[in-house]
Protein backbone atom coordinates (compact mmCIF):
# COMPACT_ATOMS: atom_id res chain seq x y z
CA MET A 1 15.02 25.35 -11.82
CA PRO A 2 17.67 24.37 -9.64
CA GLN A 3 16.59 22.52 -6.87
CA ALA A 4 18.16 23.90 -3.46
CA CYS A 5 18.41 22.40 -0.35
CA ALA A 6 15.98 21.80 2.44
CA ALA A 7 18.57 22.19 5.41
CA PHE A 8 18.61 25.18 8.03
CA GLY A 9 20.76 27.59 6.43
CA CYS A 10 22.41 25.80 4.14
CA THR A 11 23.29 27.61 0.29
CA ASN A 12 23.56 24.58 -1.95
CA ARG A 13 22.36 24.26 -4.67
CA ARG A 14 21.76 21.34 -7.67
CA ASN A 15 24.40 22.95 -10.65
CA ILE A 16 27.24 21.85 -12.49
CA GLN A 17 30.10 23.48 -9.27
CA ASN A 18 28.45 21.50 -6.87
CA ARG A 19 27.91 18.78 -8.53
CA LEU A 20 32.00 18.75 -8.96
CA ARG A 21 32.41 19.11 -5.67
CA GLY A 22 30.83 15.82 -5.49
CA ILE A 23 27.86 16.81 -3.75
CA THR A 24 25.00 14.98 -4.30
CA PHE A 25 21.07 15.69 -3.50
CA HIS A 26 18.73 13.40 -1.79
CA LYS A 27 15.19 13.11 -1.63
CA PHE A 28 13.20 12.77 0.95
CA PRO A 29 12.40 8.87 1.57
CA LYS A 30 8.26 8.09 0.63
CA ASP A 31 8.02 5.71 3.31
CA PRO A 32 5.78 8.30 5.64
CA GLY A 33 7.80 6.91 9.02
CA LEU A 34 11.10 7.35 7.81
CA ARG A 35 10.35 10.67 6.08
CA LYS A 36 9.09 12.29 9.36
CA ALA A 37 12.23 11.17 10.64
CA TRP A 38 13.71 12.99 8.23
CA ALA A 39 11.28 16.21 8.96
CA VAL A 40 12.26 16.30 12.35
CA ALA A 41 15.97 16.19 11.68
CA VAL A 42 15.85 19.41 9.58
CA ARG A 43 14.14 20.49 12.88
CA ARG A 44 12.13 23.17 11.32
CA LYS A 45 9.32 25.38 12.67
CA ASP A 46 5.97 24.10 10.12
CA PHE A 47 8.12 22.48 7.64
CA ALA A 48 6.33 19.69 4.96
CA PRO A 49 8.39 18.13 2.71
CA ASN A 50 6.93 17.13 -0.55
CA ASP A 51 7.82 14.63 -3.33
CA THR A 52 10.44 17.33 -4.33
CA THR A 53 12.72 18.72 -1.73
CA VAL A 54 15.85 17.56 -1.28
CA LEU A 55 18.85 17.62 1.39
CA CYS A 56 21.92 17.98 0.66
CA SER A 57 25.44 15.12 1.44
CA CYS A 58 26.75 17.53 3.78
CA HIS A 59 23.80 16.51 6.41
CA PHE A 60 24.98 12.91 5.92
CA LYS A 61 27.82 10.75 7.64
CA ALA A 62 30.34 9.36 5.63
CA ASP A 63 29.01 5.92 6.20
CA ASP A 64 25.90 6.68 5.55
CA PHE A 65 26.93 6.38 1.30
CA ASP A 66 26.68 3.20 -0.59
CA ARG A 67 29.50 4.70 -3.00
CA THR A 68 29.63 0.68 -4.63
CA GLY A 69 27.85 1.49 -8.19
CA GLN A 70 27.60 4.41 -10.18
CA ILE A 71 25.50 6.75 -8.67
CA VAL A 72 26.09 7.95 -5.19
CA ARG A 73 23.04 6.69 -2.97
CA LEU A 74 22.36 6.55 0.61
CA ARG A 75 22.07 3.59 2.78
CA GLU A 76 18.50 2.29 3.79
CA TYR A 77 17.10 3.95 6.90
CA VAL A 78 19.61 6.85 7.42
CA ILE A 79 18.98 9.96 8.64
CA PRO A 80 20.37 13.11 8.28
CA SER A 81 22.58 14.13 11.27
CA VAL A 82 25.14 17.12 9.90
CA PHE A 83 23.67 20.11 10.52
CA ALA A 84 27.16 22.75 10.97
CA SER A 85 24.92 25.96 10.83
CA PHE A 86 22.04 24.77 13.58
CA PRO A 87 21.97 26.65 16.88
CA HIS A 88 24.83 24.49 18.82
CA HIS A 89 21.81 23.39 21.53
CA LEU A 90 20.02 21.79 17.95
CA ASN A 91 23.22 20.77 16.72
CA LYS A 92 22.56 17.17 18.30
CA VAL A 93 22.54 13.68 16.34
CA PRO A 94 18.96 13.04 16.05
CA ASN A 95 17.89 8.64 17.02
CA LYS A 96 17.39 6.26 14.85
CA ALA A 97 13.97 6.51 12.85
CA ARG A 98 10.63 5.76 14.35
CA SER A 99 7.78 5.54 12.45
CA THR A 100 5.36 5.43 14.91
CA ARG A 101 3.21 8.41 15.45
CA THR A 102 4.17 8.52 19.28
CA SER A 103 7.59 8.53 18.67
CA THR A 104 7.91 10.88 16.26
CA GLN A 105 5.75 13.48 18.04
CA ALA A 106 8.09 12.62 21.29
CA SER A 107 10.49 13.78 19.15
CA GLU A 108 8.99 16.58 17.20
CA ALA A 109 8.39 18.19 21.46
CA SER A 110 11.76 17.67 22.74
CA ASP A 111 13.91 19.68 20.03
CA ASP A 112 13.28 23.61 19.70
CA PRO A 113 12.39 24.07 16.09
CA VAL A 114 13.66 26.61 13.57
CA PRO A 115 11.66 28.92 12.04
CA VAL A 116 10.65 28.45 7.70
CA SER A 117 13.03 30.68 5.52
CA GLU A 118 9.68 30.34 2.56
CA SER A 119 6.19 29.11 3.34
CA PRO A 120 5.90 25.69 3.32
CA GLU A 121 3.37 23.54 0.92
CA PRO A 122 -0.11 22.99 2.78
CA ARG A 123 -0.85 19.93 4.47
CA ASN A 124 -4.04 17.93 3.30
CA PRO A 125 -5.41 17.07 7.60
CA SER A 126 -7.21 14.52 6.10
CA ALA A 127 -4.65 12.39 4.75
CA PRO A 128 -3.73 9.48 7.25
CA ASP A 129 -0.72 9.70 9.48
CA HIS A 130 0.72 6.30 8.17
CA HIS A 131 -0.21 4.50 4.62
CA TYR A 132 -1.30 1.96 6.51
CA ALA A 133 -4.71 3.24 8.04
CA LEU A 134 -7.98 1.76 7.39
CA ASP A 135 -10.23 3.43 5.82
CA THR A 136 -13.77 2.14 8.09
CA ASP A 137 -16.37 3.11 5.92
CA GLU A 138 -14.38 1.91 2.79
CA VAL A 139 -13.68 -1.37 4.50
CA LYS A 140 -17.49 -1.80 5.59
CA TYR A 141 -18.19 -1.12 2.31
CA LYS A 142 -15.83 -4.03 0.51
CA ILE A 143 -17.91 -6.38 3.86
CA ALA A 144 -20.80 -5.69 2.31
CA GLU A 145 -20.22 -5.89 -0.91
CA THR A 146 -18.19 -9.30 -0.52
CA ARG A 147 -21.57 -10.96 1.31
CA ALA A 148 -24.00 -9.62 -1.40
CA ARG A 149 -21.73 -11.83 -3.64
CA VAL A 150 -21.64 -14.54 -1.71
CA GLU A 151 -25.54 -14.56 -1.31
CA GLU A 152 -25.97 -14.30 -5.12
CA LEU A 153 -23.57 -16.62 -6.27
CA GLN A 154 -25.29 -19.15 -3.29
CA ARG A 155 -28.65 -18.16 -4.99
CA GLN A 156 -27.46 -18.64 -8.34
CA LEU A 157 -25.78 -22.29 -7.57
CA ARG A 158 -29.59 -22.91 -5.58
CA ASN A 159 -31.03 -21.94 -9.33
CA ALA A 160 -28.87 -24.82 -10.98
CA ARG A 161 -29.67 -27.11 -9.11
CA ASP A 162 -32.73 -26.55 -9.67
CA ARG A 163 -32.78 -26.66 -12.93
CA GLU A 164 -31.34 -29.93 -13.04
CA ARG A 165 -33.47 -31.79 -10.73
CA ARG A 166 -36.55 -30.62 -13.06
CA GLN A 167 -34.41 -31.73 -16.77
CA LYS A 168 -34.49 -35.17 -14.61
CA ARG A 169 -37.70 -35.29 -13.72
CA THR A 170 -38.58 -34.86 -17.03
CA VAL A 171 -36.23 -37.43 -19.22
CA LYS A 172 -37.70 -40.17 -16.29
CA SER A 173 -41.19 -39.20 -17.10
CA LEU A 174 -40.60 -39.45 -21.25
CA LEU A 175 -38.91 -42.60 -20.44
CA ASP A 176 -41.58 -44.21 -17.90
CA LYS A 177 -44.28 -43.20 -20.90
CA LEU A 178 -41.58 -45.27 -23.47
CA LYS A 179 -41.59 -48.30 -21.29
CA GLU A 180 -45.11 -48.20 -21.22
CA LYS A 181 -45.65 -48.32 -25.13
CA ASN A 182 -43.19 -50.95 -24.91
CA MET A 183 -41.56 -48.30 -27.58
CA ILE A 184 -38.24 -49.11 -26.52
CA SER A 185 -35.77 -51.66 -28.08
CA GLU A 186 -34.46 -54.81 -25.28
CA GLU A 187 -30.76 -53.40 -25.06
CA LEU A 188 -31.85 -50.10 -24.04
CA GLN A 189 -34.33 -51.18 -21.30
CA LEU A 190 -31.39 -52.79 -19.89
CA LYS A 191 -28.81 -49.96 -19.98
CA LEU A 192 -31.81 -47.74 -19.05
CA ASP A 193 -32.20 -50.31 -16.12
CA HIS A 194 -28.71 -50.39 -15.18
CA TYR A 195 -28.69 -46.40 -14.70
CA SER A 196 -32.46 -46.02 -13.12
CA GLY A 197 -30.80 -45.73 -9.24
CA ARG A 198 -28.47 -43.12 -11.28
CA PHE A 199 -31.73 -41.21 -11.86
CA SER A 200 -33.94 -42.08 -8.29
CA SER A 201 -30.83 -40.99 -6.64
CA PHE A 202 -31.77 -36.87 -7.96
CA MET A 203 -35.06 -36.71 -7.18
């Protein structure tokens, strides 16, 4: 099914005839702030674009396009500004994209929207306005999980040190018994005396 331009009063659809006329179609940006700016520029009441919603090239200025490659692309951060079918009081160029909630709400409040001719997709009220919004419960869980992991690693380190001390005590005890029974050669005795300081330092 051909995609239709989402602009109010625009009848352009993605088809062969319009392609031959040089009309291109462009999806709404994925960036939440820029997508909001596009939606404000369209000025349709209760309009909620999705990932497949498009605007045709008729709603952009000539210098909004990058035509250097094989595919006609929009330049970064451009906003649609050409809406010939708008009533006169709505047909003005929107300001530069702003991604903050306050700026987009102010822009919506200052422009009279035109009604939507078709029912938009329902918005998810629990979805955050910005892609960088933090879930405080998730953050608390991550902190608690990290703290528990640190405590577990510290416990494992203490246990490893305890095992090392016990093993060294056992070795020293065995060597002392061998010395008492004169079961150690003179050469080995010299080596043991040389390393005895190391053993005692861990006791």
